[in-house]
Amino acid sequence: VLGASGHIAGVINPPAKKRRSYWT
């Protein structure tokens, strides 16, 4: 799975924020 953003912000991306995206 590939997430948007960087080393930390990409990992710490809680669902409730409804931010960023990911590729699967």
PDBML (XML) file of the C-alpha atoms, coordinates in Angstrom:
<?xml version="1.0" encoding="UTF-8" ?>
<PDBx:datablock datablockName="MODEL"
   xmlns:PDBx="http://pdbml.pdb.org/schema/pdbx-v50.xsd"
   xmlns:xsi="http://www.w3.org/2001/XMLSchema-instance"
   xsi:schemaLocation="http://pdbml.pdb.org/schema/pdbx-v50.xsd pdbx-v50.xsd">
   <PDBx:atom_siteCategory>
      <PDBx:atom_site id="1">
         <PDBx:B_iso_or_equiv>0.00</PDBx:B_iso_or_equiv>
         <PDBx:Cartn_x>0.000</PDBx:Cartn_x>
         <PDBx:Cartn_y>0.000</PDBx:Cartn_y>
         <PDBx:Cartn_z>0.000</PDBx:Cartn_z>
         <PDBx:auth_asym_id>A</PDBx:auth_asym_id>
         <PDBx:auth_atom_id>CA</PDBx:auth_atom_id>
         <PDBx:auth_comp_id>VAL</PDBx:auth_comp_id>
         <PDBx:auth_seq_id>1</PDBx:auth_seq_id>
         <PDBx:group_PDB>ATOM</PDBx:group_PDB>
         <PDBx:label_alt_id xsi:nil="true" />
         <PDBx:label_asym_id>A</PDBx:label_asym_id>
         <PDBx:label_atom_id>CA</PDBx:label_atom_id>
         <PDBx:label_comp_id>VAL</PDBx:label_comp_id>
         <PDBx:label_entity_id>1</PDBx:label_entity_id>
         <PDBx:label_seq_id>1</PDBx:label_seq_id>
         <PDBx:occupancy>1.00</PDBx:occupancy>
         <PDBx:pdbx_PDB_model_num>1</PDBx:pdbx_PDB_model_num>
         <PDBx:type_symbol>C</PDBx:type_symbol>
      </PDBx:atom_site>
      <PDBx:atom_site id="2">
         <PDBx:B_iso_or_equiv>0.00</PDBx:B_iso_or_equiv>
         <PDBx:Cartn_x>1.328</PDBx:Cartn_x>
         <PDBx:Cartn_y>3.425</PDBx:Cartn_y>
         <PDBx:Cartn_z>-0.954</PDBx:Cartn_z>
         <PDBx:auth_asym_id>A</PDBx:auth_asym_id>
         <PDBx:auth_atom_id>CA</PDBx:auth_atom_id>
         <PDBx:auth_comp_id>LEU</PDBx:auth_comp_id>
         <PDBx:auth_seq_id>2</PDBx:auth_seq_id>
         <PDBx:group_PDB>ATOM</PDBx:group_PDB>
         <PDBx:label_alt_id xsi:nil="true" />
         <PDBx:label_asym_id>A</PDBx:label_asym_id>
         <PDBx:label_atom_id>CA</PDBx:label_atom_id>
         <PDBx:label_comp_id>LEU</PDBx:label_comp_id>
         <PDBx:label_entity_id>1</PDBx:label_entity_id>
         <PDBx:label_seq_id>2</PDBx:label_seq_id>
         <PDBx:occupancy>1.00</PDBx:occupancy>
         <PDBx:pdbx_PDB_model_num>1</PDBx:pdbx_PDB_model_num>
         <PDBx:type_symbol>C</PDBx:type_symbol>
      </PDBx:atom_site>
      <PDBx:atom_site id="3">
         <PDBx:B_iso_or_equiv>0.00</PDBx:B_iso_or_equiv>
         <PDBx:Cartn_x>0.201</PDBx:Cartn_x>
         <PDBx:Cartn_y>6.431</PDBx:Cartn_y>
         <PDBx:Cartn_z>1.054</PDBx:Cartn_z>
         <PDBx:auth_asym_id>A</PDBx:auth_asym_id>
         <PDBx:auth_atom_id>CA</PDBx:auth_atom_id>
         <PDBx:auth_comp_id>GLY</PDBx:auth_comp_id>
         <PDBx:auth_seq_id>3</PDBx:auth_seq_id>
         <PDBx:group_PDB>ATOM</PDBx:group_PDB>
         <PDBx:label_alt_id xsi:nil="true" />
         <PDBx:label_asym_id>A</PDBx:label_asym_id>
         <PDBx:label_atom_id>CA</PDBx:label_atom_id>
         <PDBx:label_comp_id>GLY</PDBx:label_comp_id>
         <PDBx:label_entity_id>1</PDBx:label_entity_id>
         <PDBx:label_seq_id>3</PDBx:label_seq_id>
         <PDBx:occupancy>1.00</PDBx:occupancy>
         <PDBx:pdbx_PDB_model_num>1</PDBx:pdbx_PDB_model_num>
         <PDBx:type_symbol>C</PDBx:type_symbol>
      </PDBx:atom_site>
      <PDBx:atom_site id="4">
         <PDBx:B_iso_or_equiv>0.00</PDBx:B_iso_or_equiv>
         <PDBx:Cartn_x>0.367</PDBx:Cartn_x>
         <PDBx:Cartn_y>10.120</PDBx:Cartn_y>
         <PDBx:Cartn_z>0.238</PDBx:Cartn_z>
         <PDBx:auth_asym_id>A</PDBx:auth_asym_id>
         <PDBx:auth_atom_id>CA</PDBx:auth_atom_id>
         <PDBx:auth_comp_id>ALA</PDBx:auth_comp_id>
         <PDBx:auth_seq_id>4</PDBx:auth_seq_id>
         <PDBx:group_PDB>ATOM</PDBx:group_PDB>
         <PDBx:label_alt_id xsi:nil="true" />
         <PDBx:label_asym_id>A</PDBx:label_asym_id>
         <PDBx:label_atom_id>CA</PDBx:label_atom_id>
         <PDBx:label_comp_id>ALA</PDBx:label_comp_id>
         <PDBx:label_entity_id>1</PDBx:label_entity_id>
         <PDBx:label_seq_id>4</PDBx:label_seq_id>
         <PDBx:occupancy>1.00</PDBx:occupancy>
         <PDBx:pdbx_PDB_model_num>1</PDBx:pdbx_PDB_model_num>
         <PDBx:type_symbol>C</PDBx:type_symbol>
      </PDBx:atom_site>
      <PDBx:atom_site id="5">
         <PDBx:B_iso_or_equiv>0.00</PDBx:B_iso_or_equiv>
         <PDBx:Cartn_x>2.707</PDBx:Cartn_x>
         <PDBx:Cartn_y>12.516</PDBx:Cartn_y>
         <PDBx:Cartn_z>2.063</PDBx:Cartn_z>
         <PDBx:auth_asym_id>A</PDBx:auth_asym_id>
         <PDBx:auth_atom_id>CA</PDBx:auth_atom_id>
         <PDBx:auth_comp_id>SER</PDBx:auth_comp_id>
         <PDBx:auth_seq_id>5</PDBx:auth_seq_id>
         <PDBx:group_PDB>ATOM</PDBx:group_PDB>
         <PDBx:label_alt_id xsi:nil="true" />
         <PDBx:label_asym_id>A</PDBx:label_asym_id>
         <PDBx:label_atom_id>CA</PDBx:label_atom_id>
         <PDBx:label_comp_id>SER</PDBx:label_comp_id>
         <PDBx:label_entity_id>1</PDBx:label_entity_id>
         <PDBx:label_seq_id>5</PDBx:label_seq_id>
         <PDBx:occupancy>1.00</PDBx:occupancy>
         <PDBx:pdbx_PDB_model_num>1</PDBx:pdbx_PDB_model_num>
         <PDBx:type_symbol>C</PDBx:type_symbol>
      </PDBx:atom_site>
      <PDBx:atom_site id="6">
         <PDBx:B_iso_or_equiv>0.00</PDBx:B_iso_or_equiv>
         <PDBx:Cartn_x>5.981</PDBx:Cartn_x>
         <PDBx:Cartn_y>11.821</PDBx:Cartn_y>
         <PDBx:Cartn_z>3.864</PDBx:Cartn_z>
         <PDBx:auth_asym_id>A</PDBx:auth_asym_id>
         <PDBx:auth_atom_id>CA</PDBx:auth_atom_id>
         <PDBx:auth_comp_id>GLY</PDBx:auth_comp_id>
         <PDBx:auth_seq_id>6</PDBx:auth_seq_id>
         <PDBx:group_PDB>ATOM</PDBx:group_PDB>
         <PDBx:label_alt_id xsi:nil="true" />
         <PDBx:label_asym_id>A</PDBx:label_asym_id>
         <PDBx:label_atom_id>CA</PDBx:label_atom_id>
         <PDBx:label_comp_id>GLY</PDBx:label_comp_id>
         <PDBx:label_entity_id>1</PDBx:label_entity_id>
         <PDBx:label_seq_id>6</PDBx:label_seq_id>
         <PDBx:occupancy>1.00</PDBx:occupancy>
         <PDBx:pdbx_PDB_model_num>1</PDBx:pdbx_PDB_model_num>
         <PDBx:type_symbol>C</PDBx:type_symbol>
      </PDBx:atom_site>
      <PDBx:atom_site id="7">
         <PDBx:B_iso_or_equiv>0.00</PDBx:B_iso_or_equiv>
         <PDBx:Cartn_x>7.747</PDBx:Cartn_x>
         <PDBx:Cartn_y>9.556</PDBx:Cartn_y>
         <PDBx:Cartn_z>6.319</PDBx:Cartn_z>
         <PDBx:auth_asym_id>A</PDBx:auth_asym_id>
         <PDBx:auth_atom_id>CA</PDBx:auth_atom_id>
         <PDBx:auth_comp_id>HIS</PDBx:auth_comp_id>
         <PDBx:auth_seq_id>7</PDBx:auth_seq_id>
         <PDBx:group_PDB>ATOM</PDBx:group_PDB>
         <PDBx:label_alt_id xsi:nil="true" />
         <PDBx:label_asym_id>A</PDBx:label_asym_id>
         <PDBx:label_atom_id>CA</PDBx:label_atom_id>
         <PDBx:label_comp_id>HIS</PDBx:label_comp_id>
         <PDBx:label_entity_id>1</PDBx:label_entity_id>
         <PDBx:label_seq_id>7</PDBx:label_seq_id>
         <PDBx:occupancy>1.00</PDBx:occupancy>
         <PDBx:pdbx_PDB_model_num>1</PDBx:pdbx_PDB_model_num>
         <PDBx:type_symbol>C</PDBx:type_symbol>
      </PDBx:atom_site>
      <PDBx:atom_site id="8">
         <PDBx:B_iso_or_equiv>0.00</PDBx:B_iso_or_equiv>
         <PDBx:Cartn_x>5.691</PDBx:Cartn_x>
         <PDBx:Cartn_y>10.538</PDBx:Cartn_y>
         <PDBx:Cartn_z>9.376</PDBx:Cartn_z>
         <PDBx:auth_asym_id>A</PDBx:auth_asym_id>
         <PDBx:auth_atom_id>CA</PDBx:auth_atom_id>
         <PDBx:auth_comp_id>ILE</PDBx:auth_comp_id>
         <PDBx:auth_seq_id>8</PDBx:auth_seq_id>
         <PDBx:group_PDB>ATOM</PDBx:group_PDB>
         <PDBx:label_alt_id xsi:nil="true" />
         <PDBx:label_asym_id>A</PDBx:label_asym_id>
         <PDBx:label_atom_id>CA</PDBx:label_atom_id>
         <PDBx:label_comp_id>ILE</PDBx:label_comp_id>
         <PDBx:label_entity_id>1</PDBx:label_entity_id>
         <PDBx:label_seq_id>8</PDBx:label_seq_id>
         <PDBx:occupancy>1.00</PDBx:occupancy>
         <PDBx:pdbx_PDB_model_num>1</PDBx:pdbx_PDB_model_num>
         <PDBx:type_symbol>C</PDBx:type_symbol>
      </PDBx:atom_site>
      <PDBx:atom_site id="9">
         <PDBx:B_iso_or_equiv>0.00</PDBx:B_iso_or_equiv>
         <PDBx:Cartn_x>2.626</PDBx:Cartn_x>
         <PDBx:Cartn_y>12.378</PDBx:Cartn_y>
         <PDBx:Cartn_z>8.066</PDBx:Cartn_z>
         <PDBx:auth_asym_id>A</PDBx:auth_asym_id>
         <PDBx:auth_atom_id>CA</PDBx:auth_atom_id>
         <PDBx:auth_comp_id>ALA</PDBx:auth_comp_id>
         <PDBx:auth_seq_id>9</PDBx:auth_seq_id>
         <PDBx:group_PDB>ATOM</PDBx:group_PDB>
         <PDBx:label_alt_id xsi:nil="true" />
         <PDBx:label_asym_id>A</PDBx:label_asym_id>
         <PDBx:label_atom_id>CA</PDBx:label_atom_id>
         <PDBx:label_comp_id>ALA</PDBx:label_comp_id>
         <PDBx:label_entity_id>1</PDBx:label_entity_id>
         <PDBx:label_seq_id>9</PDBx:label_seq_id>
         <PDBx:occupancy>1.00</PDBx:occupancy>
         <PDBx:pdbx_PDB_model_num>1</PDBx:pdbx_PDB_model_num>
         <PDBx:type_symbol>C</PDBx:type_symbol>
      </PDBx:atom_site>
      <PDBx:atom_site id="10">
         <PDBx:B_iso_or_equiv>0.00</PDBx:B_iso_or_equiv>
         <PDBx:Cartn_x>1.854</PDBx:Cartn_x>
         <PDBx:Cartn_y>9.539</PDBx:Cartn_y>
         <PDBx:Cartn_z>5.669</PDBx:Cartn_z>
         <PDBx:auth_asym_id>A</PDBx:auth_asym_id>
         <PDBx:auth_atom_id>CA</PDBx:auth_atom_id>
         <PDBx:auth_comp_id>GLY</PDBx:auth_comp_id>
         <PDBx:auth_seq_id>10</PDBx:auth_seq_id>
         <PDBx:group_PDB>ATOM</PDBx:group_PDB>
         <PDBx:label_alt_id xsi:nil="true" />
         <PDBx:label_asym_id>A</PDBx:label_asym_id>
         <PDBx:label_atom_id>CA</PDBx:label_atom_id>
         <PDBx:label_comp_id>GLY</PDBx:label_comp_id>
         <PDBx:label_entity_id>1</PDBx:label_entity_id>
         <PDBx:label_seq_id>10</PDBx:label_seq_id>
         <PDBx:occupancy>1.00</PDBx:occupancy>
         <PDBx:pdbx_PDB_model_num>1</PDBx:pdbx_PDB_model_num>
         <PDBx:type_symbol>C</PDBx:type_symbol>
      </PDBx:atom_site>
      <PDBx:atom_site id="11">
         <PDBx:B_iso_or_equiv>0.00</PDBx:B_iso_or_equiv>
         <PDBx:Cartn_x>1.877</PDBx:Cartn_x>
         <PDBx:Cartn_y>6.964</PDBx:Cartn_y>
         <PDBx:Cartn_z>8.455</PDBx:Cartn_z>
         <PDBx:auth_asym_id>A</PDBx:auth_asym_id>
         <PDBx:auth_atom_id>CA</PDBx:auth_atom_id>
         <PDBx:auth_comp_id>VAL</PDBx:auth_comp_id>
         <PDBx:auth_seq_id>11</PDBx:auth_seq_id>
         <PDBx:group_PDB>ATOM</PDBx:group_PDB>
         <PDBx:label_alt_id xsi:nil="true" />
         <PDBx:label_asym_id>A</PDBx:label_asym_id>
         <PDBx:label_atom_id>CA</PDBx:label_atom_id>
         <PDBx:label_comp_id>VAL</PDBx:label_comp_id>
         <PDBx:label_entity_id>1</PDBx:label_entity_id>
         <PDBx:label_seq_id>11</PDBx:label_seq_id>
         <PDBx:occupancy>1.00</PDBx:occupancy>
         <PDBx:pdbx_PDB_model_num>1</PDBx:pdbx_PDB_model_num>
         <PDBx:type_symbol>C</PDBx:type_symbol>
      </PDBx:atom_site>
      <PDBx:atom_site id="12">
         <PDBx:B_iso_or_equiv>0.00</PDBx:B_iso_or_equiv>
         <PDBx:Cartn_x>0.046</PDBx:Cartn_x>
         <PDBx:Cartn_y>9.035</PDBx:Cartn_y>
         <PDBx:Cartn_z>11.066</PDBx:Cartn_z>
         <PDBx:auth_asym_id>A</PDBx:auth_asym_id>
         <PDBx:auth_atom_id>CA</PDBx:auth_atom_id>
         <PDBx:auth_comp_id>ILE</PDBx:auth_comp_id>
         <PDBx:auth_seq_id>12</PDBx:auth_seq_id>
         <PDBx:group_PDB>ATOM</PDBx:group_PDB>
         <PDBx:label_alt_id xsi:nil="true" />
         <PDBx:label_asym_id>A</PDBx:label_asym_id>
         <PDBx:label_atom_id>CA</PDBx:label_atom_id>
         <PDBx:label_comp_id>ILE</PDBx:label_comp_id>
         <PDBx:label_entity_id>1</PDBx:label_entity_id>
         <PDBx:label_seq_id>12</PDBx:label_seq_id>
         <PDBx:occupancy>1.00</PDBx:occupancy>
         <PDBx:pdbx_PDB_model_num>1</PDBx:pdbx_PDB_model_num>
         <PDBx:type_symbol>C</PDBx:type_symbol>
      </PDBx:atom_site>
      <PDBx:atom_site id="13">
         <PDBx:B_iso_or_equiv>0.00</PDBx:B_iso_or_equiv>
         <PDBx:Cartn_x>-3.127</PDBx:Cartn_x>
         <PDBx:Cartn_y>9.686</PDBx:Cartn_y>
         <PDBx:Cartn_z>9.074</PDBx:Cartn_z>
         <PDBx:auth_asym_id>A</PDBx:auth_asym_id>
         <PDBx:auth_atom_id>CA</PDBx:auth_atom_id>
         <PDBx:auth_comp_id>ASN</PDBx:auth_comp_id>
         <PDBx:auth_seq_id>13</PDBx:auth_seq_id>
         <PDBx:group_PDB>ATOM</PDBx:group_PDB>
         <PDBx:label_alt_id xsi:nil="true" />
         <PDBx:label_asym_id>A</PDBx:label_asym_id>
         <PDBx:label_atom_id>CA</PDBx:label_atom_id>
         <PDBx:label_comp_id>ASN</PDBx:label_comp_id>
         <PDBx:label_entity_id>1</PDBx:label_entity_id>
         <PDBx:label_seq_id>13</PDBx:label_seq_id>
         <PDBx:occupancy>1.00</PDBx:occupancy>
         <PDBx:pdbx_PDB_model_num>1</PDBx:pdbx_PDB_model_num>
         <PDBx:type_symbol>C</PDBx:type_symbol>
      </PDBx:atom_site>
      <PDBx:atom_site id="14">
         <PDBx:B_iso_or_equiv>0.00</PDBx:B_iso_or_equiv>
         <PDBx:Cartn_x>-6.213</PDBx:Cartn_x>
         <PDBx:Cartn_y>8.907</PDBx:Cartn_y>
         <PDBx:Cartn_z>11.188</PDBx:Cartn_z>
         <PDBx:auth_asym_id>A</PDBx:auth_asym_id>
         <PDBx:auth_atom_id>CA</PDBx:auth_atom_id>
         <PDBx:auth_comp_id>PRO</PDBx:auth_comp_id>
         <PDBx:auth_seq_id>14</PDBx:auth_seq_id>
         <PDBx:group_PDB>ATOM</PDBx:group_PDB>
         <PDBx:label_alt_id xsi:nil="true" />
         <PDBx:label_asym_id>A</PDBx:label_asym_id>
         <PDBx:label_atom_id>CA</PDBx:label_atom_id>
         <PDBx:label_comp_id>PRO</PDBx:label_comp_id>
         <PDBx:label_entity_id>1</PDBx:label_entity_id>
         <PDBx:label_seq_id>14</PDBx:label_seq_id>
         <PDBx:occupancy>1.00</PDBx:occupancy>
         <PDBx:pdbx_PDB_model_num>1</PDBx:pdbx_PDB_model_num>
         <PDBx:type_symbol>C</PDBx:type_symbol>
      </PDBx:atom_site>
      <PDBx:atom_site id="15">
         <PDBx:B_iso_or_equiv>0.00</PDBx:B_iso_or_equiv>
         <PDBx:Cartn_x>-9.431</PDBx:Cartn_x>
         <PDBx:Cartn_y>8.128</PDBx:Cartn_y>
         <PDBx:Cartn_z>9.282</PDBx:Cartn_z>
         <PDBx:auth_asym_id>A</PDBx:auth_asym_id>
         <PDBx:auth_atom_id>CA</PDBx:auth_atom_id>
         <PDBx:auth_comp_id>PRO</PDBx:auth_comp_id>
         <PDBx:auth_seq_id>15</PDBx:auth_seq_id>
         <PDBx:group_PDB>ATOM</PDBx:group_PDB>
         <PDBx:label_alt_id xsi:nil="true" />
         <PDBx:label_asym_id>A</PDBx:label_asym_id>
         <PDBx:label_atom_id>CA</PDBx:label_atom_id>
         <PDBx:label_comp_id>PRO</PDBx:label_comp_id>
         <PDBx:label_entity_id>1</PDBx:label_entity_id>
         <PDBx:label_seq_id>15</PDBx:label_seq_id>
         <PDBx:occupancy>1.00</PDBx:occupancy>
         <PDBx:pdbx_PDB_model_num>1</PDBx:pdbx_PDB_model_num>
         <PDBx:type_symbol>C</PDBx:type_symbol>
      </PDBx:atom_site>
      <PDBx:atom_site id="16">
         <PDBx:B_iso_or_equiv>0.00</PDBx:B_iso_or_equiv>
         <PDBx:Cartn_x>-11.511</PDBx:Cartn_x>
         <PDBx:Cartn_y>10.724</PDBx:Cartn_y>
         <PDBx:Cartn_z>11.102</PDBx:Cartn_z>
         <PDBx:auth_asym_id>A</PDBx:auth_asym_id>
         <PDBx:auth_atom_id>CA</PDBx:auth_atom_id>
         <PDBx:auth_comp_id>ALA</PDBx:auth_comp_id>
         <PDBx:auth_seq_id>16</PDBx:auth_seq_id>
         <PDBx:group_PDB>ATOM</PDBx:group_PDB>
         <PDBx:label_alt_id xsi:nil="true" />
         <PDBx:label_asym_id>A</PDBx:label_asym_id>
         <PDBx:label_atom_id>CA</PDBx:label_atom_id>
         <PDBx:label_comp_id>ALA</PDBx:label_comp_id>
         <PDBx:label_entity_id>1</PDBx:label_entity_id>
         <PDBx:label_seq_id>16</PDBx:label_seq_id>
         <PDBx:occupancy>1.00</PDBx:occupancy>
         <PDBx:pdbx_PDB_model_num>1</PDBx:pdbx_PDB_model_num>
         <PDBx:type_symbol>C</PDBx:type_symbol>
      </PDBx:atom_site>
      <PDBx:atom_site id="17">
         <PDBx:B_iso_or_equiv>0.00</PDBx:B_iso_or_equiv>
         <PDBx:Cartn_x>-9.452</PDBx:Cartn_x>
         <PDBx:Cartn_y>13.530</PDBx:Cartn_y>
         <PDBx:Cartn_z>9.557</PDBx:Cartn_z>
         <PDBx:auth_asym_id>A</PDBx:auth_asym_id>
         <PDBx:auth_atom_id>CA</PDBx:auth_atom_id>
         <PDBx:auth_comp_id>LYS</PDBx:auth_comp_id>
         <PDBx:auth_seq_id>17</PDBx:auth_seq_id>
         <PDBx:group_PDB>ATOM</PDBx:group_PDB>
         <PDBx:label_alt_id xsi:nil="true" />
         <PDBx:label_asym_id>A</PDBx:label_asym_id>
         <PDBx:label_atom_id>CA</PDBx:label_atom_id>
         <PDBx:label_comp_id>LYS</PDBx:label_comp_id>
         <PDBx:label_entity_id>1</PDBx:label_entity_id>
         <PDBx:label_seq_id>17</PDBx:label_seq_id>
         <PDBx:occupancy>1.00</PDBx:occupancy>
         <PDBx:pdbx_PDB_model_num>1</PDBx:pdbx_PDB_model_num>
         <PDBx:type_symbol>C</PDBx:type_symbol>
      </PDBx:atom_site>
      <PDBx:atom_site id="18">
         <PDBx:B_iso_or_equiv>0.00</PDBx:B_iso_or_equiv>
         <PDBx:Cartn_x>-10.498</PDBx:Cartn_x>
         <PDBx:Cartn_y>12.399</PDBx:Cartn_y>
         <PDBx:Cartn_z>6.038</PDBx:Cartn_z>
         <PDBx:auth_asym_id>A</PDBx:auth_asym_id>
         <PDBx:auth_atom_id>CA</PDBx:auth_atom_id>
         <PDBx:auth_comp_id>LYS</PDBx:auth_comp_id>
         <PDBx:auth_seq_id>18</PDBx:auth_seq_id>
         <PDBx:group_PDB>ATOM</PDBx:group_PDB>
         <PDBx:label_alt_id xsi:nil="true" />
         <PDBx:label_asym_id>A</PDBx:label_asym_id>
         <PDBx:label_atom_id>CA</PDBx:label_atom_id>
         <PDBx:label_comp_id>LYS</PDBx:label_comp_id>
         <PDBx:label_entity_id>1</PDBx:label_entity_id>
         <PDBx:label_seq_id>18</PDBx:label_seq_id>
         <PDBx:occupancy>1.00</PDBx:occupancy>
         <PDBx:pdbx_PDB_model_num>1</PDBx:pdbx_PDB_model_num>
         <PDBx:type_symbol>C</PDBx:type_symbol>
      </PDBx:atom_site>
      <PDBx:atom_site id="19">
         <PDBx:B_iso_or_equiv>0.00</PDBx:B_iso_or_equiv>
         <PDBx:Cartn_x>-7.198</PDBx:Cartn_x>
         <PDBx:Cartn_y>13.638</PDBx:Cartn_y>
         <PDBx:Cartn_z>4.676</PDBx:Cartn_z>
         <PDBx:auth_asym_id>A</PDBx:auth_asym_id>
         <PDBx:auth_atom_id>CA</PDBx:auth_atom_id>
         <PDBx:auth_comp_id>ARG</PDBx:auth_comp_id>
         <PDBx:auth_seq_id>19</PDBx:auth_seq_id>
         <PDBx:group_PDB>ATOM</PDBx:group_PDB>
         <PDBx:label_alt_id xsi:nil="true" />
         <PDBx:label_asym_id>A</PDBx:label_asym_id>
         <PDBx:label_atom_id>CA</PDBx:label_atom_id>
         <PDBx:label_comp_id>ARG</PDBx:label_comp_id>
         <PDBx:label_entity_id>1</PDBx:label_entity_id>
         <PDBx:label_seq_id>19</PDBx:label_seq_id>
         <PDBx:occupancy>1.00</PDBx:occupancy>
         <PDBx:pdbx_PDB_model_num>1</PDBx:pdbx_PDB_model_num>
         <PDBx:type_symbol>C</PDBx:type_symbol>
      </PDBx:atom_site>
      <PDBx:atom_site id="20">
         <PDBx:B_iso_or_equiv>0.00</PDBx:B_iso_or_equiv>
         <PDBx:Cartn_x>-4.768</PDBx:Cartn_x>
         <PDBx:Cartn_y>12.521</PDBx:Cartn_y>
         <PDBx:Cartn_z>1.991</PDBx:Cartn_z>
         <PDBx:auth_asym_id>A</PDBx:auth_asym_id>
         <PDBx:auth_atom_id>CA</PDBx:auth_atom_id>
         <PDBx:auth_comp_id>ARG</PDBx:auth_comp_id>
         <PDBx:auth_seq_id>20</PDBx:auth_seq_id>
         <PDBx:group_PDB>ATOM</PDBx:group_PDB>
         <PDBx:label_alt_id xsi:nil="true" />
         <PDBx:label_asym_id>A</PDBx:label_asym_id>
         <PDBx:label_atom_id>CA</PDBx:label_atom_id>
         <PDBx:label_comp_id>ARG</PDBx:label_comp_id>
         <PDBx:label_entity_id>1</PDBx:label_entity_id>
         <PDBx:label_seq_id>20</PDBx:label_seq_id>
         <PDBx:occupancy>1.00</PDBx:occupancy>
         <PDBx:pdbx_PDB_model_num>1</PDBx:pdbx_PDB_model_num>
         <PDBx:type_symbol>C</PDBx:type_symbol>
      </PDBx:atom_site>
      <PDBx:atom_site id="21">
         <PDBx:B_iso_or_equiv>0.00</PDBx:B_iso_or_equiv>
         <PDBx:Cartn_x>-5.132</PDBx:Cartn_x>
         <PDBx:Cartn_y>9.301</PDBx:Cartn_y>
         <PDBx:Cartn_z>0.024</PDBx:Cartn_z>
         <PDBx:auth_asym_id>A</PDBx:auth_asym_id>
         <PDBx:auth_atom_id>CA</PDBx:auth_atom_id>
         <PDBx:auth_comp_id>SER</PDBx:auth_comp_id>
         <PDBx:auth_seq_id>21</PDBx:auth_seq_id>
         <PDBx:group_PDB>ATOM</PDBx:group_PDB>
         <PDBx:label_alt_id xsi:nil="true" />
         <PDBx:label_asym_id>A</PDBx:label_asym_id>
         <PDBx:label_atom_id>CA</PDBx:label_atom_id>
         <PDBx:label_comp_id>SER</PDBx:label_comp_id>
         <PDBx:label_entity_id>1</PDBx:label_entity_id>
         <PDBx:label_seq_id>21</PDBx:label_seq_id>
         <PDBx:occupancy>1.00</PDBx:occupancy>
         <PDBx:pdbx_PDB_model_num>1</PDBx:pdbx_PDB_model_num>
         <PDBx:type_symbol>C</PDBx:type_symbol>
      </PDBx:atom_site>
      <PDBx:atom_site id="22">
         <PDBx:B_iso_or_equiv>0.00</PDBx:B_iso_or_equiv>
         <PDBx:Cartn_x>-3.485</PDBx:Cartn_x>
         <PDBx:Cartn_y>5.967</PDBx:Cartn_y>
         <PDBx:Cartn_z>-0.671</PDBx:Cartn_z>
         <PDBx:auth_asym_id>A</PDBx:auth_asym_id>
         <PDBx:auth_atom_id>CA</PDBx:auth_atom_id>
         <PDBx:auth_comp_id>TYR</PDBx:auth_comp_id>
         <PDBx:auth_seq_id>22</PDBx:auth_seq_id>
         <PDBx:group_PDB>ATOM</PDBx:group_PDB>
         <PDBx:label_alt_id xsi:nil="true" />
         <PDBx:label_asym_id>A</PDBx:label_asym_id>
         <PDBx:label_atom_id>CA</PDBx:label_atom_id>
         <PDBx:label_comp_id>TYR</PDBx:label_comp_id>
         <PDBx:label_entity_id>1</PDBx:label_entity_id>
         <PDBx:label_seq_id>22</PDBx:label_seq_id>
         <PDBx:occupancy>1.00</PDBx:occupancy>
         <PDBx:pdbx_PDB_model_num>1</PDBx:pdbx_PDB_model_num>
         <PDBx:type_symbol>C</PDBx:type_symbol>
      </PDBx:atom_site>
      <PDBx:atom_site id="23">
         <PDBx:B_iso_or_equiv>0.00</PDBx:B_iso_or_equiv>
         <PDBx:Cartn_x>-2.996</PDBx:Cartn_x>
         <PDBx:Cartn_y>3.570</PDBx:Cartn_y>
         <PDBx:Cartn_z>-3.587</PDBx:Cartn_z>
         <PDBx:auth_asym_id>A</PDBx:auth_asym_id>
         <PDBx:auth_atom_id>CA</PDBx:auth_atom_id>
         <PDBx:auth_comp_id>TRP</PDBx:auth_comp_id>
         <PDBx:auth_seq_id>23</PDBx:auth_seq_id>
         <PDBx:group_PDB>ATOM</PDBx:group_PDB>
         <PDBx:label_alt_id xsi:nil="true" />
         <PDBx:label_asym_id>A</PDBx:label_asym_id>
         <PDBx:label_atom_id>CA</PDBx:label_atom_id>
         <PDBx:label_comp_id>TRP</PDBx:label_comp_id>
         <PDBx:label_entity_id>1</PDBx:label_entity_id>
         <PDBx:label_seq_id>23</PDBx:label_seq_id>
         <PDBx:occupancy>1.00</PDBx:occupancy>
         <PDBx:pdbx_PDB_model_num>1</PDBx:pdbx_PDB_model_num>
         <PDBx:type_symbol>C</PDBx:type_symbol>
      </PDBx:atom_site>
      <PDBx:atom_site id="24">
         <PDBx:B_iso_or_equiv>0.00</PDBx:B_iso_or_equiv>
         <PDBx:Cartn_x>-3.776</PDBx:Cartn_x>
         <PDBx:Cartn_y>-0.146</PDBx:Cartn_y>
         <PDBx:Cartn_z>-3.564</PDBx:Cartn_z>
         <PDBx:auth_asym_id>A</PDBx:auth_asym_id>
         <PDBx:auth_atom_id>CA</PDBx:auth_atom_id>
         <PDBx:auth_comp_id>THR</PDBx:auth_comp_id>
         <PDBx:auth_seq_id>24</PDBx:auth_seq_id>
         <PDBx:group_PDB>ATOM</PDBx:group_PDB>
         <PDBx:label_alt_id xsi:nil="true" />
         <PDBx:label_asym_id>A</PDBx:label_asym_id>
         <PDBx:label_atom_id>CA</PDBx:label_atom_id>
         <PDBx:label_comp_id>THR</PDBx:label_comp_id>
         <PDBx:label_entity_id>1</PDBx:label_entity_id>
         <PDBx:label_seq_id>24</PDBx:label_seq_id>
         <PDBx:occupancy>1.00</PDBx:occupancy>
         <PDBx:pdbx_PDB_model_num>1</PDBx:pdbx_PDB_model_num>
         <PDBx:type_symbol>C</PDBx:type_symbol>
      </PDBx:atom_site>
   </PDBx:atom_siteCategory>
</PDBx:datablock>
